[in-house]
Amino acid sequence: MRYKLTFVVGVALGYVIGTRAGRERYEQIKKSARELSQNPAVRNAAESAAQTGREVAGKALHAVSDKVGDRLPASVTDRIHALRHHNGQVTEDEWGVSNT
């Protein structure tokens, strides 16, 4: 009960502080966030992190599949192969992330 009360007080305090800041401050923060996300350096860093994540995930997949072997259900292994190779080529992931 104590944690629920603390949470409710925190939400109320955040609401009061947020309403005092007003719409102008909200729009200013929103504009700054948009500018930051469109910065080429930030976009390159995010893409680099995504690429590294895909590489690490691929290595982890190989390590796990080597250890697990045939113990996975056929439906899982079929799905993994379908995601990794489409017509003989490695495909883009389902998250819509590209290397551009």
PDB file of N, CA and C in Angstrom:
ATOM      1  N   MET A   1       0.822  -1.188   0.000  1.00  0.00           N
ATOM      2  CA  MET A   1       0.000   0.000   0.000  1.00  0.00           C
ATOM      3  C   MET A   1       0.870   1.258   0.000  1.00  0.00           C
ATOM      4  N   ARG A   2       1.976   1.187   0.710  1.00  0.00           N
ATOM      5  CA  ARG A   2       2.870   2.331   0.797  1.00  0.00           C
ATOM      6  C   ARG A   2       3.421   2.694  -0.578  1.00  0.00           C
ATOM      7  N   TYR A   3       3.738   1.673  -1.385  1.00  0.00           N
ATOM      8  CA  TYR A   3       4.293   1.920  -2.714  1.00  0.00           C
ATOM      9  C   TYR A   3       3.240   2.512  -3.646  1.00  0.00           C
ATOM     10  N   LYS A   4       2.011   2.070  -3.506  1.00  0.00           N
ATOM     11  CA  LYS A   4       0.930   2.625  -4.315  1.00  0.00           C
ATOM     12  C   LYS A   4       0.726   4.102  -3.985  1.00  0.00           C
ATOM     13  N   LEU A   5       0.763   4.409  -2.710  1.00  0.00           N
ATOM     14  CA  LEU A   5       0.603   5.795  -2.282  1.00  0.00           C
ATOM     15  C   LEU A   5       1.755   6.651  -2.804  1.00  0.00           C
ATOM     16  N   THR A   6       2.965   6.128  -2.734  1.00  0.00           N
ATOM     17  CA  THR A   6       4.132   6.855  -3.249  1.00  0.00           C
ATOM     18  C   THR A   6       3.994   7.083  -4.746  1.00  0.00           C
ATOM     19  N   PHE A   7       3.521   6.088  -5.460  1.00  0.00           N
ATOM     20  CA  PHE A   7       3.329   6.216  -6.897  1.00  0.00           C
ATOM     21  C   PHE A   7       2.291   7.285  -7.221  1.00  0.00           C
ATOM     22  N   VAL A   8       1.169   7.256  -6.531  1.00  0.00           N
ATOM     23  CA  VAL A   8       0.099   8.228  -6.770  1.00  0.00           C
ATOM     24  C   VAL A   8       0.586   9.643  -6.464  1.00  0.00           C
ATOM     25  N   VAL A   9       1.336   9.814  -5.381  1.00  0.00           N
ATOM     26  CA  VAL A   9       1.886  11.126  -5.043  1.00  0.00           C
ATOM     27  C   VAL A   9       2.856  11.581  -6.126  1.00  0.00           C
ATOM     28  N   GLY A  10       3.670  10.674  -6.629  1.00  0.00           N
ATOM     29  CA  GLY A  10       4.609  11.007  -7.694  1.00  0.00           C
ATOM     30  C   GLY A  10       3.903  11.434  -8.972  1.00  0.00           C
ATOM     31  N   VAL A  11       2.845  10.731  -9.328  1.00  0.00           N
ATOM     32  CA  VAL A  11       2.072  11.090 -10.513  1.00  0.00           C
ATOM     33  C   VAL A  11       1.431  12.460 -10.335  1.00  0.00           C
ATOM     34  N   ALA A  12       0.863  12.697  -9.180  1.00  0.00           N
ATOM     35  CA  ALA A  12       0.230  13.992  -8.914  1.00  0.00           C
ATOM     36  C   ALA A  12       1.259  15.118  -8.954  1.00  0.00           C
ATOM     37  N   LEU A  13       2.410  14.903  -8.361  1.00  0.00           N
ATOM     38  CA  LEU A  13       3.468  15.909  -8.366  1.00  0.00           C
ATOM     39  C   LEU A  13       3.955  16.173  -9.795  1.00  0.00           C
ATOM     40  N   GLY A  14       4.134  15.122 -10.566  1.00  0.00           N
ATOM     41  CA  GLY A  14       4.542  15.281 -11.957  1.00  0.00           C
ATOM     42  C   GLY A  14       3.514  16.037 -12.774  1.00  0.00           C
ATOM     43  N   TYR A  15       2.248  15.777 -12.502  1.00  0.00           N
ATOM     44  CA  TYR A  15       1.181  16.490 -13.210  1.00  0.00           C
ATOM     45  C   TYR A  15       1.209  17.976 -12.886  1.00  0.00           C
ATOM     46  N   VAL A  16       1.328  18.295 -11.600  1.00  0.00           N
ATOM     47  CA  VAL A  16       1.348  19.701 -11.184  1.00  0.00           C
ATOM     48  C   VAL A  16       2.547  20.425 -11.784  1.00  0.00           C
ATOM     49  N   ILE A  17       3.719  19.805 -11.716  1.00  0.00           N
ATOM     50  CA  ILE A  17       4.922  20.437 -12.271  1.00  0.00           C
ATOM     51  C   ILE A  17       4.783  20.574 -13.784  1.00  0.00           C
ATOM     52  N   GLY A  18       4.233  19.569 -14.424  1.00  0.00           N
ATOM     53  CA  GLY A  18       4.044  19.613 -15.867  1.00  0.00           C
ATOM     54  C   GLY A  18       3.078  20.691 -16.310  1.00  0.00           C
ATOM     55  N   THR A  19       2.000  20.876 -15.568  1.00  0.00           N
ATOM     56  CA  THR A  19       1.034  21.895 -15.952  1.00  0.00           C
ATOM     57  C   THR A  19       1.584  23.293 -15.706  1.00  0.00           C
ATOM     58  N   ARG A  20       2.451  23.431 -14.714  1.00  0.00           N
ATOM     59  CA  ARG A  20       3.062  24.736 -14.476  1.00  0.00           C
ATOM     60  C   ARG A  20       4.027  25.100 -15.598  1.00  0.00           C
ATOM     61  N   ALA A  21       4.698  24.103 -16.150  1.00  0.00           N
ATOM     62  CA  ALA A  21       5.623  24.371 -17.245  1.00  0.00           C
ATOM     63  C   ALA A  21       4.851  24.855 -18.470  1.00  0.00           C
ATOM     64  N   GLY A  22       3.682  24.321 -18.670  1.00  0.00           N
ATOM     65  CA  GLY A  22       2.812  24.790 -19.729  1.00  0.00           C
ATOM     66  C   GLY A  22       3.104  24.215 -21.100  1.00  0.00           C
ATOM     67  N   ARG A  23       2.243  24.583 -22.011  1.00  0.00           N
ATOM     68  CA  ARG A  23       2.302  24.080 -23.374  1.00  0.00           C
ATOM     69  C   ARG A  23       3.542  24.584 -24.117  1.00  0.00           C
ATOM     70  N   GLU A  24       3.942  25.819 -23.844  1.00  0.00           N
ATOM     71  CA  GLU A  24       5.104  26.376 -24.535  1.00  0.00           C
ATOM     72  C   GLU A  24       6.362  25.562 -24.246  1.00  0.00           C
ATOM     73  N   ARG A  25       6.567  25.225 -22.992  1.00  0.00           N
ATOM     74  CA  ARG A  25       7.736  24.434 -22.626  1.00  0.00           C
ATOM     75  C   ARG A  25       7.667  23.049 -23.254  1.00  0.00           C
ATOM     76  N   TYR A  26       6.476  22.472 -23.298  1.00  0.00           N
ATOM     77  CA  TYR A  26       6.285  21.162 -23.932  1.00  0.00           C
ATOM     78  C   TYR A  26       6.680  21.234 -25.405  1.00  0.00           C
ATOM     79  N   GLU A  27       6.202  22.262 -26.100  1.00  0.00           N
ATOM     80  CA  GLU A  27       6.532  22.422 -27.519  1.00  0.00           C
ATOM     81  C   GLU A  27       8.031  22.644 -27.710  1.00  0.00           C
ATOM     82  N   GLN A  28       8.665  23.377 -26.794  1.00  0.00           N
ATOM     83  CA  GLN A  28      10.097  23.620 -26.882  1.00  0.00           C
ATOM     84  C   GLN A  28      10.869  22.306 -26.725  1.00  0.00           C
ATOM     85  N   ILE A  29      10.490  21.489 -25.776  1.00  0.00           N
ATOM     86  CA  ILE A  29      11.139  20.197 -25.567  1.00  0.00           C
ATOM     87  C   ILE A  29      10.918  19.293 -26.777  1.00  0.00           C
ATOM     88  N   LYS A  30       9.706  19.290 -27.298  1.00  0.00           N
ATOM     89  CA  LYS A  30       9.376  18.474 -28.462  1.00  0.00           C
ATOM     90  C   LYS A  30      10.226  18.888 -29.669  1.00  0.00           C
ATOM     91  N   LYS A  31      10.374  20.200 -29.895  1.00  0.00           N
ATOM     92  CA  LYS A  31      11.178  20.704 -31.007  1.00  0.00           C
ATOM     93  C   LYS A  31      12.642  20.308 -30.837  1.00  0.00           C
ATOM     94  N   SER A  32      13.159  20.432 -29.617  1.00  0.00           N
ATOM     95  CA  SER A  32      14.553  20.059 -29.355  1.00  0.00           C
ATOM     96  C   SER A  32      14.780  18.576 -29.602  1.00  0.00           C
ATOM     97  N   ALA A  33      13.854  17.753 -29.178  1.00  0.00           N
ATOM     98  CA  ALA A  33      13.971  16.307 -29.384  1.00  0.00           C
ATOM     99  C   ALA A  33      13.943  15.973 -30.867  1.00  0.00           C
ATOM    100  N   ARG A  34      13.080  16.639 -31.626  1.00  0.00           N
ATOM    101  CA  ARG A  34      13.000  16.398 -33.067  1.00  0.00           C
ATOM    102  C   ARG A  34      14.303  16.804 -33.756  1.00  0.00           C
ATOM    103  N   GLU A  35      14.847  17.963 -33.381  1.00  0.00           N
ATOM    104  CA  GLU A  35      16.106  18.421 -33.972  1.00  0.00           C
ATOM    105  C   GLU A  35      17.245  17.459 -33.637  1.00  0.00           C
ATOM    106  N   LEU A  36      17.266  16.988 -32.403  1.00  0.00           N
ATOM    107  CA  LEU A  36      18.302  16.048 -31.997  1.00  0.00           C
ATOM    108  C   LEU A  36      18.205  14.750 -32.789  1.00  0.00           C
ATOM    109  N   SER A  37      16.997  14.256 -32.967  1.00  0.00           N
ATOM    110  CA  SER A  37      16.825  12.987 -33.682  1.00  0.00           C
ATOM    111  C   SER A  37      17.164  13.111 -35.156  1.00  0.00           C
ATOM    112  N   GLN A  38      17.098  14.308 -35.717  1.00  0.00           N
ATOM    113  CA  GLN A  38      17.407  14.495 -37.128  1.00  0.00           C
ATOM    114  C   GLN A  38      18.858  14.909 -37.362  1.00  0.00           C
ATOM    115  N   ASN A  39      19.631  15.033 -36.308  1.00  0.00           N
ATOM    116  CA  ASN A  39      21.041  15.370 -36.421  1.00  0.00           C
ATOM    117  C   ASN A  39      21.769  14.196 -37.072  1.00  0.00           C
ATOM    118  N   PRO A  40      22.563  14.465 -38.129  1.00  0.00           N
ATOM    119  CA  PRO A  40      23.258  13.366 -38.821  1.00  0.00           C
ATOM    120  C   PRO A  40      24.173  12.554 -37.903  1.00  0.00           C
ATOM    121  N   ALA A  41      24.845  13.205 -36.967  1.00  0.00           N
ATOM    122  CA  ALA A  41      25.729  12.471 -36.064  1.00  0.00           C
ATOM    123  C   ALA A  41      24.932  11.508 -35.186  1.00  0.00           C
ATOM    124  N   VAL A  42      23.776  11.952 -34.712  1.00  0.00           N
ATOM    125  CA  VAL A  42      22.923  11.096 -33.869  1.00  0.00           C
ATOM    126  C   VAL A  42      22.361   9.950 -34.694  1.00  0.00           C
ATOM    127  N   ARG A  43      21.943  10.252 -35.916  1.00  0.00           N
ATOM    128  CA  ARG A  43      21.400   9.197 -36.781  1.00  0.00           C
ATOM    129  C   ARG A  43      22.461   8.152 -37.098  1.00  0.00           C
ATOM    130  N   ASN A  44      23.699   8.601 -37.379  1.00  0.00           N
ATOM    131  CA  ASN A  44      24.776   7.657 -37.663  1.00  0.00           C
ATOM    132  C   ASN A  44      25.094   6.803 -36.444  1.00  0.00           C
ATOM    133  N   ALA A  45      25.111   7.423 -35.269  1.00  0.00           N
ATOM    134  CA  ALA A  45      25.389   6.664 -34.048  1.00  0.00           C
ATOM    135  C   ALA A  45      24.283   5.633 -33.791  1.00  0.00           C
ATOM    136  N   ALA A  46      23.041   6.017 -34.019  1.00  0.00           N
ATOM    137  CA  ALA A  46      21.928   5.087 -33.811  1.00  0.00           C
ATOM    138  C   ALA A  46      21.992   3.933 -34.803  1.00  0.00           C
ATOM    139  N   GLU A  47      22.323   4.237 -36.052  1.00  0.00           N
ATOM    140  CA  GLU A  47      22.428   3.177 -37.053  1.00  0.00           C
ATOM    141  C   GLU A  47      23.595   2.256 -36.747  1.00  0.00           C
ATOM    142  N   SER A  48      24.694   2.829 -36.294  1.00  0.00           N
ATOM    143  CA  SER A  48      25.861   2.023 -35.928  1.00  0.00           C
ATOM    144  C   SER A  48      25.517   1.087 -34.767  1.00  0.00           C
ATOM    145  N   ALA A  49      24.798   1.616 -33.788  1.00  0.00           N
ATOM    146  CA  ALA A  49      24.380   0.784 -32.651  1.00  0.00           C
ATOM    147  C   ALA A  49      23.433  -0.326 -33.107  1.00  0.00           C
ATOM    148  N   ALA A  50      22.533  -0.006 -34.031  1.00  0.00           N
ATOM    149  CA  ALA A  50      21.603  -1.012 -34.543  1.00  0.00           C
ATOM    150  C   ALA A  50      22.351  -2.102 -35.301  1.00  0.00           C
ATOM    151  N   GLN A  51      23.321  -1.702 -36.117  1.00  0.00           N
ATOM    152  CA  GLN A  51      24.113  -2.677 -36.875  1.00  0.00           C
ATOM    153  C   GLN A  51      24.898  -3.582 -35.934  1.00  0.00           C
ATOM    154  N   THR A  52      25.516  -2.985 -34.913  1.00  0.00           N
ATOM    155  CA  THR A  52      26.259  -3.773 -33.931  1.00  0.00           C
ATOM    156  C   THR A  52      25.325  -4.749 -33.216  1.00  0.00           C
ATOM    157  N   GLY A  53      24.135  -4.279 -32.889  1.00  0.00           N
ATOM    158  CA  GLY A  53      23.153  -5.149 -32.243  1.00  0.00           C
ATOM    159  C   GLY A  53      22.763  -6.324 -33.111  1.00  0.00           C
ATOM    160  N   ARG A  54      22.573  -6.060 -34.414  1.00  0.00           N
ATOM    161  CA  ARG A  54      22.241  -7.159 -35.326  1.00  0.00           C
ATOM    162  C   ARG A  54      23.383  -8.159 -35.424  1.00  0.00           C
ATOM    163  N   GLU A  55      24.626  -7.655 -35.466  1.00  0.00           N
ATOM    164  CA  GLU A  55      25.787  -8.559 -35.546  1.00  0.00           C
ATOM    165  C   GLU A  55      25.899  -9.418 -34.285  1.00  0.00           C
ATOM    166  N   VAL A  56      25.722  -8.798 -33.125  1.00  0.00           N
ATOM    167  CA  VAL A  56      25.807  -9.537 -31.863  1.00  0.00           C
ATOM    168  C   VAL A  56      24.679 -10.557 -31.781  1.00  0.00           C
ATOM    169  N   ALA A  57      23.490 -10.163 -32.213  1.00  0.00           N
ATOM    170  CA  ALA A  57      22.364 -11.097 -32.190  1.00  0.00           C
ATOM    171  C   ALA A  57      22.621 -12.281 -33.117  1.00  0.00           C
ATOM    172  N   GLY A  58      23.227 -12.023 -34.266  1.00  0.00           N
ATOM    173  CA  GLY A  58      23.560 -13.110 -35.194  1.00  0.00           C
ATOM    174  C   GLY A  58      24.564 -14.072 -34.594  1.00  0.00           C
ATOM    175  N   LYS A  59      25.588 -13.522 -33.924  1.00  0.00           N
ATOM    176  CA  LYS A  59      26.584 -14.382 -33.269  1.00  0.00           C
ATOM    177  C   LYS A  59      25.936 -15.192 -32.150  1.00  0.00           C
ATOM    178  N   ALA A  60      25.052 -14.552 -31.398  1.00  0.00           N
ATOM    179  CA  ALA A  60      24.366 -15.260 -30.311  1.00  0.00           C
ATOM    180  C   ALA A  60      23.482 -16.367 -30.872  1.00  0.00           C
ATOM    181  N   LEU A  61      22.828 -16.086 -31.987  1.00  0.00           N
ATOM    182  CA  LEU A  61      21.986 -17.097 -32.618  1.00  0.00           C
ATOM    183  C   LEU A  61      22.808 -18.317 -32.999  1.00  0.00           C
ATOM    184  N   HIS A  62      23.973 -18.092 -33.606  1.00  0.00           N
ATOM    185  CA  HIS A  62      24.826 -19.211 -33.999  1.00  0.00           C
ATOM    186  C   HIS A  62      25.306 -19.987 -32.771  1.00  0.00           C
ATOM    187  N   ALA A  63      25.710 -19.261 -31.732  1.00  0.00           N
ATOM    188  CA  ALA A  63      26.200 -19.933 -30.526  1.00  0.00           C
ATOM    189  C   ALA A  63      25.108 -20.773 -29.872  1.00  0.00           C
ATOM    190  N   VAL A  64      23.917 -20.214 -29.786  1.00  0.00           N
ATOM    191  CA  VAL A  64      22.806 -20.943 -29.157  1.00  0.00           C
ATOM    192  C   VAL A  64      22.375 -22.116 -30.028  1.00  0.00           C
ATOM    193  N   SER A  65      22.271 -21.884 -31.342  1.00  0.00           N
ATOM    194  CA  SER A  65      21.814 -22.977 -32.203  1.00  0.00           C
ATOM    195  C   SER A  65      22.833 -24.112 -32.245  1.00  0.00           C
ATOM    196  N   ASP A  66      24.129 -23.798 -32.108  1.00  0.00           N
ATOM    197  CA  ASP A  66      25.132 -24.863 -32.042  1.00  0.00           C
ATOM    198  C   ASP A  66      24.965 -25.699 -30.772  1.00  0.00           C
ATOM    199  N   LYS A  67      24.646 -25.047 -29.666  1.00  0.00           N
ATOM    200  CA  LYS A  67      24.501 -25.770 -28.400  1.00  0.00           C
ATOM    201  C   LYS A  67      23.161 -26.483 -28.285  1.00  0.00           C
ATOM    202  N   VAL A  68      22.117 -25.850 -28.795  1.00  0.00           N
ATOM    203  CA  VAL A  68      20.778 -26.430 -28.664  1.00  0.00           C
ATOM    204  C   VAL A  68      20.572 -27.528 -29.701  1.00  0.00           C
ATOM    205  N   GLY A  69      21.060 -27.274 -30.893  1.00  0.00           N
ATOM    206  CA  GLY A  69      20.993 -28.294 -31.939  1.00  0.00           C
ATOM    207  C   GLY A  69      19.585 -28.648 -32.345  1.00  0.00           C
ATOM    208  N   ASP A  70      19.301 -29.929 -32.324  1.00  0.00           N
ATOM    209  CA  ASP A  70      18.014 -30.434 -32.790  1.00  0.00           C
ATOM    210  C   ASP A  70      16.928 -30.405 -31.722  1.00  0.00           C
ATOM    211  N   ARG A  71      17.204 -29.815 -30.589  1.00  0.00           N
ATOM    212  CA  ARG A  71      16.213 -29.810 -29.521  1.00  0.00           C
ATOM    213  C   ARG A  71      15.120 -28.764 -29.729  1.00  0.00           C
ATOM    214  N   LEU A  72      15.307 -27.854 -30.696  1.00  0.00           N
ATOM    215  CA  LEU A  72      14.272 -26.866 -30.990  1.00  0.00           C
ATOM    216  C   LEU A  72      13.174 -27.498 -31.831  1.00  0.00           C
ATOM    217  N   PRO A  73      11.941 -27.052 -31.649  1.00  0.00           N
ATOM    218  CA  PRO A  73      10.863 -27.543 -32.510  1.00  0.00           C
ATOM    219  C   PRO A  73      11.106 -27.120 -33.956  1.00  0.00           C
ATOM    220  N   ALA A  74      10.601 -27.901 -34.870  1.00  0.00           N
ATOM    221  CA  ALA A  74      10.796 -27.626 -36.290  1.00  0.00           C
ATOM    222  C   ALA A  74      10.215 -26.268 -36.680  1.00  0.00           C
ATOM    223  N   SER A  75       9.115 -25.871 -36.054  1.00  0.00           N
ATOM    224  CA  SER A  75       8.503 -24.584 -36.394  1.00  0.00           C
ATOM    225  C   SER A  75       9.431 -23.420 -36.069  1.00  0.00           C
ATOM    226  N   VAL A  76      10.194 -23.548 -34.992  1.00  0.00           N
ATOM    227  CA  VAL A  76      11.121 -22.491 -34.601  1.00  0.00           C
ATOM    228  C   VAL A  76      12.297 -22.446 -35.563  1.00  0.00           C
ATOM    229  N   THR A  77      12.869 -23.583 -35.868  1.00  0.00           N
ATOM    230  CA  THR A  77      14.008 -23.600 -36.787  1.00  0.00           C
ATOM    231  C   THR A  77      13.608 -23.144 -38.185  1.00  0.00           C
ATOM    232  N   ASP A  78      12.414 -23.497 -38.627  1.00  0.00           N
ATOM    233  CA  ASP A  78      11.943 -23.040 -39.935  1.00  0.00           C
ATOM    234  C   ASP A  78      11.796 -21.524 -39.958  1.00  0.00           C
ATOM    235  N   ARG A  79      11.290 -20.972 -38.886  1.00  0.00           N
ATOM    236  CA  ARG A  79      11.106 -19.520 -38.800  1.00  0.00           C
ATOM    237  C   ARG A  79      12.462 -18.800 -38.794  1.00  0.00           C
ATOM    238  N   ILE A  80      13.424 -19.345 -38.079  1.00  0.00           N
ATOM    239  CA  ILE A  80      14.761 -18.753 -38.032  1.00  0.00           C
ATOM    240  C   ILE A  80      15.390 -18.762 -39.418  1.00  0.00           C
ATOM    241  N   HIS A  81      15.296 -19.890 -40.105  1.00  0.00           N
ATOM    242  CA  HIS A  81      15.870 -19.977 -41.446  1.00  0.00           C
ATOM    243  C   HIS A  81      15.151 -19.037 -42.410  1.00  0.00           C
ATOM    244  N   ALA A  82      13.846 -18.902 -42.269  1.00  0.00           N
ATOM    245  CA  ALA A  82      13.089 -18.009 -43.142  1.00  0.00           C
ATOM    246  C   ALA A  82      13.476 -16.552 -42.911  1.00  0.00           C
ATOM    247  N   LEU A  83      13.734 -16.185 -41.658  1.00  0.00           N
ATOM    248  CA  LEU A  83      14.135 -14.815 -41.357  1.00  0.00           C
ATOM    249  C   LEU A  83      15.551 -14.525 -41.816  1.00  0.00           C
ATOM    250  N   ARG A  84      16.426 -15.499 -41.695  1.00  0.00           N
ATOM    251  CA  ARG A  84      17.834 -15.274 -42.026  1.00  0.00           C
ATOM    252  C   ARG A  84      18.079 -15.268 -43.526  1.00  0.00           C
ATOM    253  N   HIS A  85      17.376 -16.103 -44.247  1.00  0.00           N
ATOM    254  CA  HIS A  85      17.640 -16.213 -45.682  1.00  0.00           C
ATOM    255  C   HIS A  85      16.327 -16.182 -46.446  1.00  0.00           C
ATOM    256  N   HIS A  86      16.282 -15.288 -47.383  1.00  0.00           N
ATOM    257  CA  HIS A  86      15.118 -15.198 -48.254  1.00  0.00           C
ATOM    258  C   HIS A  86      15.630 -15.248 -49.683  1.00  0.00           C
ATOM    259  N   ASN A  87      15.338 -16.308 -50.384  1.00  0.00           N
ATOM    260  CA  ASN A  87      15.841 -16.530 -51.750  1.00  0.00           C
ATOM    261  C   ASN A  87      17.361 -16.485 -51.810  1.00  0.00           C
ATOM    262  N   GLY A  88      18.014 -17.043 -50.814  1.00  0.00           N
ATOM    263  CA  GLY A  88      19.462 -17.111 -50.817  1.00  0.00           C
ATOM    264  C   GLY A  88      20.163 -15.861 -50.331  1.00  0.00           C
ATOM    265  N   GLN A  89      19.406 -14.819 -49.990  1.00  0.00           N
ATOM    266  CA  GLN A  89      20.013 -13.580 -49.521  1.00  0.00           C
ATOM    267  C   GLN A  89      19.546 -13.297 -48.102  1.00  0.00           C
ATOM    268  N   VAL A  90      20.445 -12.701 -47.331  1.00  0.00           N
ATOM    269  CA  VAL A  90      20.073 -12.296 -45.981  1.00  0.00           C
ATOM    270  C   VAL A  90      19.140 -11.118 -46.106  1.00  0.00           C
ATOM    271  N   THR A  91      18.020 -11.169 -45.390  1.00  0.00           N
ATOM    272  CA  THR A  91      17.001 -10.135 -45.523  1.00  0.00           C
ATOM    273  C   THR A  91      17.092  -9.121 -44.399  1.00  0.00           C
ATOM    274  N   GLU A  92      16.394  -8.021 -44.586  1.00  0.00           N
ATOM    275  CA  GLU A  92      16.286  -6.989 -43.559  1.00  0.00           C
ATOM    276  C   GLU A  92      15.458  -7.545 -42.409  1.00  0.00           C
ATOM    277  N   ASP A  93      15.752  -7.094 -41.193  1.00  0.00           N
ATOM    278  CA  ASP A  93      15.008  -7.610 -40.058  1.00  0.00           C
ATOM    279  C   ASP A  93      13.570  -7.086 -40.069  1.00  0.00           C
ATOM    280  N   GLU A  94      12.718  -7.695 -39.260  1.00  0.00           N
ATOM    281  CA  GLU A  94      11.314  -7.326 -39.228  1.00  0.00           C
ATOM    282  C   GLU A  94      11.057  -5.986 -38.558  1.00  0.00           C
ATOM    283  N   TRP A  95      12.073  -5.400 -37.964  1.00  0.00           N
ATOM    284  CA  TRP A  95      11.881  -4.120 -37.258  1.00  0.00           C
ATOM    285  C   TRP A  95      11.903  -2.954 -38.246  1.00  0.00           C
ATOM    286  N   GLY A  96      12.199  -3.208 -39.491  1.00  0.00           N
ATOM    287  CA  GLY A  96      12.207  -2.141 -40.472  1.00  0.00           C
ATOM    288  C   GLY A  96      13.475  -1.304 -40.440  1.00  0.00           C
ATOM    289  N   VAL A  97      14.513  -1.815 -39.835  1.00  0.00           N
ATOM    290  CA  VAL A  97      15.760  -1.078 -39.751  1.00  0.00           C
ATOM    291  C   VAL A  97      16.599  -1.409 -40.969  1.00  0.00           C
ATOM    292  N   SER A  98      17.064  -0.383 -41.624  1.00  0.00           N
ATOM    293  CA  SER A  98      17.918  -0.601 -42.792  1.00  0.00           C
ATOM    294  C   SER A  98      19.291  -0.006 -42.520  1.00  0.00           C
ATOM    295  N   ASN A  99      20.218  -0.223 -43.400  1.00  0.00           N
ATOM    296  CA  ASN A  99      21.573   0.282 -43.232  1.00  0.00           C
ATOM    297  C   ASN A  99      21.781   1.617 -43.920  1.00  0.00           C
ATOM    298  N   THR A 100      20.734   2.374 -44.107  1.00  0.00           N
ATOM    299  CA  THR A 100      20.876   3.680 -44.764  1.00  0.00           C
ATOM    300  C   THR A 100      20.944   4.778 -43.761  1.00  0.00           C
TER     301      THR A 100
END
